[in-house]
Amino acid sequence: MSGTTATTTTHLWLREETKPMEHRAALSPEVCKKLLATGNFEITVEESKERIFADAEYTAVGCRL
């Protein structure tokens, strides 16, 4: 037995909100940074002009667009 364990990464997908006047985000860039730092998550963010956080804030912490 080798003593290594397989790790599984969870892929989170932050979708663009399509409701009128909706600016919420399920994840803030700060939370994304913490999740990515664990090495257990991949995060993809759909581009959005309506979200409260700018797309650049997500890419700055390592999220994919």
Protein backbone atom coordinates (compact mmCIF):
# COMPACT_ATOMS: atom_id res chain seq x y z
CA MET A 1 0.00 0.00 0.00
CA SER A 2 1.50 3.35 -1.03
CA GLY A 3 0.20 5.63 1.73
CA THR A 4 -1.04 8.30 -0.67
CA THR A 5 -4.64 9.36 -0.87
CA ALA A 6 -6.44 10.72 -3.88
CA THR A 7 -7.82 14.20 -3.50
CA THR A 8 -10.94 15.34 -5.21
CA THR A 9 -11.48 18.92 -6.25
CA THR A 10 -14.91 20.46 -6.29
CA HIS A 11 -15.70 22.69 -9.24
CA LEU A 12 -17.89 25.67 -8.34
CA TRP A 13 -19.49 27.69 -11.12
CA LEU A 14 -20.64 31.22 -10.34
CA ARG A 15 -23.30 31.99 -12.94
CA GLU A 16 -24.24 35.32 -14.39
CA GLU A 17 -27.44 36.58 -12.78
CA THR A 18 -30.16 37.29 -15.30
CA LYS A 19 -32.88 38.82 -13.15
CA PRO A 20 -33.54 42.54 -13.67
CA MET A 21 -31.94 44.75 -11.00
CA GLU A 22 -30.23 41.75 -9.37
CA HIS A 23 -26.66 42.34 -8.21
CA ARG A 24 -26.09 39.60 -5.64
CA ALA A 25 -23.21 37.15 -5.82
CA ALA A 26 -23.17 33.73 -4.20
CA LEU A 27 -19.43 34.03 -3.55
CA SER A 28 -17.32 37.11 -2.93
CA PRO A 29 -13.79 37.29 -4.32
CA GLU A 30 -12.48 37.09 -0.73
CA VAL A 31 -14.30 33.80 -0.10
CA CYS A 32 -13.13 32.46 -3.47
CA LYS A 33 -9.54 33.24 -2.51
CA LYS A 34 -9.90 31.26 0.73
CA LEU A 35 -11.51 28.29 -1.03
CA LEU A 36 -8.86 28.23 -3.76
CA ALA A 37 -6.09 28.38 -1.15
CA THR A 38 -7.23 25.02 0.26
CA GLY A 39 -6.44 23.34 -3.07
CA ASN A 40 -9.78 21.53 -2.96
CA PHE A 41 -11.73 23.84 -5.27
CA GLU A 42 -11.77 25.10 -8.83
CA ILE A 43 -13.94 28.17 -9.42
CA THR A 44 -15.27 29.38 -12.74
CA VAL A 45 -17.03 32.74 -12.90
CA GLU A 46 -19.30 33.69 -15.78
CA GLU A 47 -18.67 37.23 -16.95
CA SER A 48 -21.28 39.68 -15.68
CA LYS A 49 -21.77 43.42 -15.89
CA GLU A 50 -24.52 43.26 -13.26
CA ARG A 51 -22.78 41.44 -10.40
CA ILE A 52 -21.83 43.53 -7.35
CA PHE A 53 -18.16 42.46 -7.75
CA ALA A 54 -16.21 43.14 -10.94
CA ASP A 55 -14.97 40.20 -13.01
CA ALA A 56 -11.40 41.47 -12.49
CA GLU A 57 -11.77 40.99 -8.73
CA TYR A 58 -12.42 37.29 -9.29
CA THR A 59 -9.56 36.79 -11.75
CA ALA A 60 -7.21 38.63 -9.35
CA VAL A 61 -7.74 35.89 -6.74
CA GLY A 62 -7.36 33.01 -9.23
CA CYS A 63 -10.85 32.28 -10.53
CA ARG A 64 -11.33 31.39 -14.18
CA LEU A 65 -13.69 33.31 -16.43
